[in-house]
Protein backbone atom coordinates (compact mmCIF):
# COMPACT_ATOMS: atom_id res chain seq x y z
CA MET A 1 7.09 58.52 58.09
CA LYS A 2 9.24 55.92 56.42
CA HIS A 3 8.00 53.35 58.92
CA LYS A 4 4.33 54.09 58.07
CA LEU A 5 5.10 53.85 54.34
CA LEU A 6 6.82 50.52 54.83
CA VAL A 7 3.84 49.20 56.78
CA LYS A 8 1.49 50.25 53.96
CA LEU A 9 3.69 48.56 51.33
CA VAL A 10 3.78 45.31 53.30
CA ALA A 11 -0.01 45.42 53.66
CA LEU A 12 -0.41 46.05 49.91
CA VAL A 13 1.86 43.14 49.03
CA GLY A 14 -0.20 40.91 51.31
CA ILE A 15 -3.43 41.94 49.62
CA ILE A 16 -1.98 41.28 46.14
CA ALA A 17 -0.71 37.87 47.25
CA SER A 18 -4.14 36.96 48.61
CA ILE A 19 -5.88 38.01 45.40
CA THR A 20 -3.40 35.97 43.34
CA LEU A 21 -4.07 32.86 45.44
CA ILE A 22 -7.81 33.33 45.12
CA LEU A 23 -7.62 33.70 41.34
CA ALA A 24 -5.34 30.67 41.02
CA GLY A 25 -7.76 28.67 43.12
CA CYS A 26 -10.62 29.73 40.89
CA GLY A 27 -8.72 28.67 37.76
CA SER A 28 -7.90 25.30 39.26
CA SER A 29 -11.47 24.84 40.39
CA SER A 30 -12.74 25.79 36.93
CA SER A 31 -10.39 23.32 35.24
CA SER A 32 -11.32 20.59 37.69
CA SER A 33 -15.00 21.34 37.22
CA ALA A 34 -14.67 21.20 33.42
CA ASP A 35 -12.97 17.82 33.62
CA SER A 36 -15.56 16.48 36.05
CA ASN A 37 -18.33 17.58 33.69
CA ASN A 38 -16.67 15.83 30.73
CA PRO A 39 -18.14 12.31 30.39
CA SER A 40 -15.40 11.41 27.92
CA SER A 41 -12.32 12.35 29.93
CA VAL A 42 -9.81 9.56 30.51
CA GLU A 43 -10.71 9.60 34.20
CA LYS A 44 -14.43 9.20 33.50
CA ILE A 45 -13.84 6.45 30.92
CA LYS A 46 -11.72 4.46 33.38
CA LYS A 47 -14.24 5.01 36.18
CA ARG A 48 -17.06 3.87 33.90
CA GLY A 49 -14.99 0.90 32.75
CA THR A 50 -16.06 1.28 29.11
CA ILE A 51 -14.96 3.35 26.12
CA ARG A 52 -17.60 4.09 23.48
CA VAL A 53 -16.14 4.10 19.98
CA ALA A 54 -17.92 5.27 16.84
CA VAL A 55 -17.22 2.96 13.88
CA PHE A 56 -18.61 2.12 10.47
CA GLY A 57 -20.54 -1.09 10.02
CA ASP A 58 -20.53 -1.31 6.22
CA LEU A 59 -17.15 -0.12 4.99
CA PRO A 60 -14.73 -2.98 4.34
CA PRO A 61 -11.85 -3.18 4.92
CA TYR A 62 -12.00 -0.41 7.55
CA GLY A 63 -15.03 -1.26 9.64
CA TRP A 64 -17.82 -3.73 8.91
CA VAL A 65 -19.71 -6.75 10.23
CA ASN A 66 -18.59 -10.02 8.64
CA LYS A 67 -20.74 -13.04 7.77
CA ASP A 68 -20.25 -14.40 11.29
CA GLY A 69 -21.66 -11.22 12.82
CA LYS A 70 -18.28 -10.04 14.11
CA ARG A 71 -16.97 -6.50 13.73
CA VAL A 72 -13.70 -6.50 11.83
CA GLY A 73 -11.45 -4.08 9.97
CA TYR A 74 -8.50 -1.72 10.24
CA ASP A 75 -10.29 0.81 12.47
CA ILE A 76 -11.87 -1.96 14.55
CA THR A 77 -8.47 -3.45 15.38
CA LEU A 78 -7.26 -0.02 16.52
CA ALA A 79 -10.36 0.43 18.68
CA ARG A 80 -9.73 -2.89 20.42
CA ARG A 81 -6.12 -1.95 21.13
CA ILE A 82 -7.10 1.44 22.58
CA ALA A 83 -9.59 -0.22 24.92
CA LYS A 84 -6.97 -2.76 25.97
CA ASP A 85 -4.39 -0.07 26.74
CA LEU A 86 -6.97 1.89 28.76
CA ASN A 87 -7.81 -1.35 30.57
CA VAL A 88 -11.53 -0.90 29.90
CA LYS A 89 -14.27 -2.70 27.99
CA LEU A 90 -15.13 -1.66 24.45
CA LYS A 91 -18.56 -0.58 23.24
CA PHE A 92 -19.00 -0.07 19.51
CA VAL A 93 -21.47 2.57 18.35
CA GLN A 94 -22.24 2.27 14.65
CA VAL A 95 -22.37 5.54 12.72
CA ASN A 96 -22.49 6.74 9.14
CA ALA A 97 -20.46 9.53 7.58
CA ASN A 98 -23.10 12.18 8.25
CA ASN A 99 -23.50 11.66 12.00
CA ARG A 100 -19.93 11.18 13.23
CA VAL A 101 -19.71 14.74 14.57
CA ASP A 102 -23.21 14.58 16.07
CA ALA A 103 -22.30 11.38 17.93
CA LEU A 104 -19.45 13.24 19.66
CA ASN A 105 -21.35 16.42 20.38
CA SER A 106 -24.30 14.55 21.90
CA ASN A 107 -21.92 12.51 24.12
CA LYS A 108 -23.07 9.24 22.57
CA VAL A 109 -19.44 8.27 21.94
CA ASP A 110 -16.05 9.12 23.41
CA ILE A 111 -14.00 8.84 20.23
CA VAL A 112 -14.55 8.36 16.50
CA LEU A 113 -12.58 5.73 14.56
CA ALA A 114 -14.59 5.70 11.35
CA ASN A 115 -12.22 6.47 8.48
CA PHE A 116 -12.43 10.15 9.45
CA THR A 117 -10.52 12.39 7.03
CA VAL A 118 -9.06 15.56 8.52
CA THR A 119 -10.33 18.72 6.82
CA PRO A 120 -10.20 22.41 7.83
CA GLU A 121 -13.99 22.47 8.16
CA ARG A 122 -14.05 19.45 10.48
CA LYS A 123 -11.24 20.92 12.59
CA ASP A 124 -13.66 23.69 13.53
CA VAL A 125 -16.09 21.25 15.16
CA VAL A 126 -13.97 18.36 16.51
CA ASP A 127 -10.44 17.82 17.79
CA PHE A 128 -8.35 15.43 15.71
CA ALA A 129 -5.55 13.40 17.25
CA LYS A 130 -2.39 12.33 15.41
CA ALA A 131 -3.06 10.78 12.01
CA TYR A 132 -2.65 7.03 11.54
CA MET A 133 -3.33 6.67 7.81
CA LYS A 134 -2.90 8.69 4.64
CA VAL A 135 -5.09 8.78 1.55
CA SER A 136 -5.19 10.80 -1.63
CA VAL A 137 -6.81 10.79 -5.04
CA GLY A 138 -5.92 7.82 -7.24
CA VAL A 139 -6.69 6.95 -10.85
CA VAL A 140 -7.80 3.49 -12.03
CA SER A 141 -7.75 2.32 -15.64
CA PRO A 142 -7.77 -0.91 -17.69
CA LYS A 143 -4.59 -2.98 -17.36
CA ASP A 144 -4.34 -3.32 -21.16
CA ASN A 145 -4.36 0.47 -21.57
CA PRO A 146 -3.10 1.88 -18.25
CA ILE A 147 -3.03 5.55 -17.31
CA THR A 148 0.17 6.12 -15.31
CA LYS A 149 0.71 9.87 -15.79
CA VAL A 150 -1.71 12.76 -15.55
CA ASP A 151 -0.54 14.04 -18.97
CA GLN A 152 -2.27 11.04 -20.53
CA LEU A 153 -5.61 12.42 -19.36
CA LYS A 154 -5.47 15.76 -21.19
CA GLY A 155 -8.44 16.10 -23.53
CA LYS A 156 -9.80 12.72 -22.43
CA ASN A 157 -12.87 11.76 -20.40
CA LEU A 158 -12.11 11.03 -16.74
CA ILE A 159 -14.92 9.51 -14.69
CA VAL A 160 -15.64 10.89 -11.19
CA THR A 161 -18.45 11.00 -8.64
CA LYS A 162 -19.98 14.38 -7.91
CA GLY A 163 -18.92 16.06 -4.68
CA THR A 164 -15.80 13.96 -4.16
CA THR A 165 -12.24 15.06 -3.50
CA ALA A 166 -11.38 13.69 -6.95
CA GLU A 167 -13.89 15.97 -8.66
CA ASN A 168 -12.71 18.99 -6.68
CA TYR A 169 -9.05 18.30 -7.40
CA PHE A 170 -9.38 17.85 -11.16
CA THR A 171 -11.80 20.77 -11.48
CA SER A 172 -9.40 23.16 -9.77
CA LYS A 173 -5.95 21.76 -10.59
CA GLN A 174 -6.21 19.80 -13.87
CA LYS A 175 -8.48 21.87 -16.09
CA ASP A 176 -7.28 20.20 -19.30
CA VAL A 177 -9.01 16.98 -18.25
CA ASP A 178 -12.66 16.47 -19.29
CA LEU A 179 -14.73 15.20 -16.37
CA LEU A 180 -17.62 12.79 -16.80
CA LYS A 181 -19.59 13.11 -13.54
CA PHE A 182 -21.97 10.64 -11.89
CA ASP A 183 -24.15 10.63 -8.79
CA SER A 184 -23.07 7.31 -7.31
CA LYS A 185 -20.19 4.86 -7.05
CA THR A 186 -22.22 2.20 -8.89
CA GLN A 187 -22.83 4.54 -11.81
CA GLN A 188 -19.21 5.62 -12.06
CA PHE A 189 -17.81 2.08 -12.08
CA ASN A 190 -20.41 0.93 -14.62
CA ALA A 191 -19.33 3.83 -16.82
CA LEU A 192 -15.69 2.72 -16.57
CA LYS A 193 -16.60 -0.86 -17.49
CA ASN A 194 -18.60 0.46 -20.47
CA ASN A 195 -15.54 2.42 -21.67
CA ARG A 196 -17.20 5.81 -21.35
CA GLY A 197 -13.92 7.23 -20.05
CA VAL A 198 -10.25 6.28 -20.24
CA ALA A 199 -9.97 6.15 -16.45
CA LEU A 200 -11.72 6.85 -13.15
CA ALA A 201 -10.54 8.97 -10.21
CA ASP A 202 -11.53 8.43 -6.57
CA ASP A 203 -10.07 7.92 -3.09
CA ASN A 204 -7.03 5.71 -3.70
CA SER A 205 -7.64 3.36 -0.78
CA TYR A 206 -11.16 2.73 -2.09
CA LEU A 207 -9.73 1.97 -5.54
CA TYR A 208 -7.18 -0.48 -4.14
CA ALA A 209 -10.00 -2.59 -2.74
CA TRP A 210 -12.06 -2.28 -5.95
CA VAL A 211 -9.32 -3.53 -8.28
CA LYS A 212 -8.79 -6.57 -6.06
CA ASN A 213 -12.27 -7.67 -7.13
CA ASN A 214 -11.81 -6.36 -10.68
CA PRO A 215 -8.40 -7.73 -11.69
CA THR A 216 -8.50 -6.44 -15.28
CA TYR A 217 -8.01 -2.92 -13.90
CA THR A 218 -5.06 -1.27 -12.14
CA VAL A 219 -4.49 1.84 -10.03
CA GLY A 220 -1.93 3.30 -12.43
CA ILE A 221 -1.69 6.61 -10.57
CA LYS A 222 -1.62 5.81 -6.85
CA ASN A 223 -1.32 9.38 -5.56
CA ILE A 224 -2.18 12.67 -7.17
CA GLY A 225 -2.62 15.98 -5.41
CA PRO A 226 -1.99 16.51 -1.71
CA ASN A 227 -2.15 13.70 0.81
CA GLN A 228 -5.05 13.72 3.22
CA TYR A 229 -4.98 12.09 6.62
CA ILE A 230 -7.23 9.83 8.66
CA SER A 231 -7.26 10.51 12.41
CA PRO A 232 -9.18 9.66 15.58
CA ALA A 233 -11.54 12.46 16.59
CA VAL A 234 -12.77 13.54 20.02
CA LYS A 235 -15.24 16.19 21.12
CA LYS A 236 -13.98 19.76 20.79
CA GLY A 237 -12.17 20.75 23.97
CA ASN A 238 -11.68 17.22 25.32
CA LYS A 239 -7.97 17.72 26.06
CA SER A 240 -7.80 14.77 28.43
CA LEU A 241 -8.67 12.13 25.82
CA LEU A 242 -6.96 14.03 23.01
CA ASN A 243 -3.62 14.07 24.83
CA TRP A 244 -3.92 10.41 25.77
CA THR A 245 -4.79 9.42 22.19
CA ASN A 246 -1.87 11.40 20.74
CA LYS A 247 0.52 9.51 23.03
CA GLU A 248 -1.16 6.22 22.14
CA ILE A 249 -0.85 6.76 18.38
CA LYS A 250 2.81 7.71 18.76
CA LYS A 251 3.49 4.61 20.87
CA LEU A 252 1.66 2.26 18.50
CA ASN A 253 3.49 3.72 15.52
CA LYS A 254 6.84 2.99 17.14
CA GLN A 255 5.70 -0.55 17.88
CA SER A 256 4.79 -1.12 14.17
CA PHE A 257 1.17 -1.71 15.21
CA PHE A 258 -0.18 -0.04 12.07
CA THR A 259 2.02 -2.13 9.78
CA ASP A 260 0.68 -5.27 11.47
CA ASP A 261 -2.87 -3.90 11.24
CA TYR A 262 -2.36 -3.21 7.54
CA ASN A 263 -1.04 -6.71 6.85
CA SER A 264 -3.92 -8.42 8.65
CA GLN A 265 -6.83 -6.18 7.65
CA LEU A 266 -6.00 -4.23 4.48
CA LYS A 267 -3.53 -6.29 2.47
CA PRO A 268 -6.02 -9.09 1.73
CA TYR A 269 -8.25 -6.48 0.07
CA PHE A 270 -5.60 -4.39 -1.64
CA GLY A 271 -3.39 -7.10 -3.12
CA ASP A 272 0.35 -7.21 -3.65
CA GLU A 273 0.64 -4.11 -5.86
CA VAL A 274 -0.05 -1.90 -2.83
CA LYS A 275 2.67 -1.49 -0.20
CA PRO A 276 2.07 -0.59 3.47
CA SER A 277 3.91 2.70 2.83
CA ASP A 278 1.13 3.69 0.38
CA ILE A 279 -1.31 3.81 3.30
CA ILE A 280 0.39 4.00 6.68
CA LEU A 281 2.49 6.91 7.88
CA PRO A 282 6.27 6.72 8.51
CA GLN A 283 7.29 5.64 11.98
CA LYS A 284 8.50 8.50 14.16
């Protein structure tokens, strides 16, 4: 009796082991199949010999086409380094802010390097790699009457553009400040020059570049509110390229690549009053 029971137990163990192997094989096959169907995996990019990178073409100093017809900028330099380290050719795909996600989802690009700010809403539709730049709201004002503290804005007109992070921040967090809202960047800066407000709030990195061309103004408040971060983005679920990019950003950070990129691409636009630490992230 005991012998028969032992035989049955051995047979049962064998069946369970077989099922386990089959299921494991299915999982491996599924994973392999998913990777083979991903045109933007590291393997596929290397096999193709080209990485397709979404960039801006009209946003100096991050990504634009200069007078000689060459693509230049902070994001462009990063794109060229990524292609070099993958040992593949680089193909730029020009995008605007509204179609960065669509470019990934339609497999027109492998990665986005277009001044892409990480937000909770965007995290739902793309995968962001490690950040390589920080931005936040800044406040610009005339040099002869600078605004350096938020308390100076209470009861005063602050100029903003509708729908921006600056408008959202001051509406929700600084309710004692009176907002003068405009539809466009041109309108808001004209309002500042016409003294319709004591200062103007916008993305600080954008303001750094603006004051370089308008030297009678200064970014008196460089950072207000929480920092936001700029990161490369890949298609949701593309773990292969996401993992590679995370390792690449970490490596480049340790090599001071982003400090060098800042000095060559951003500093000429931002001037001496802005330090690399205002834009790039600490090395880790």
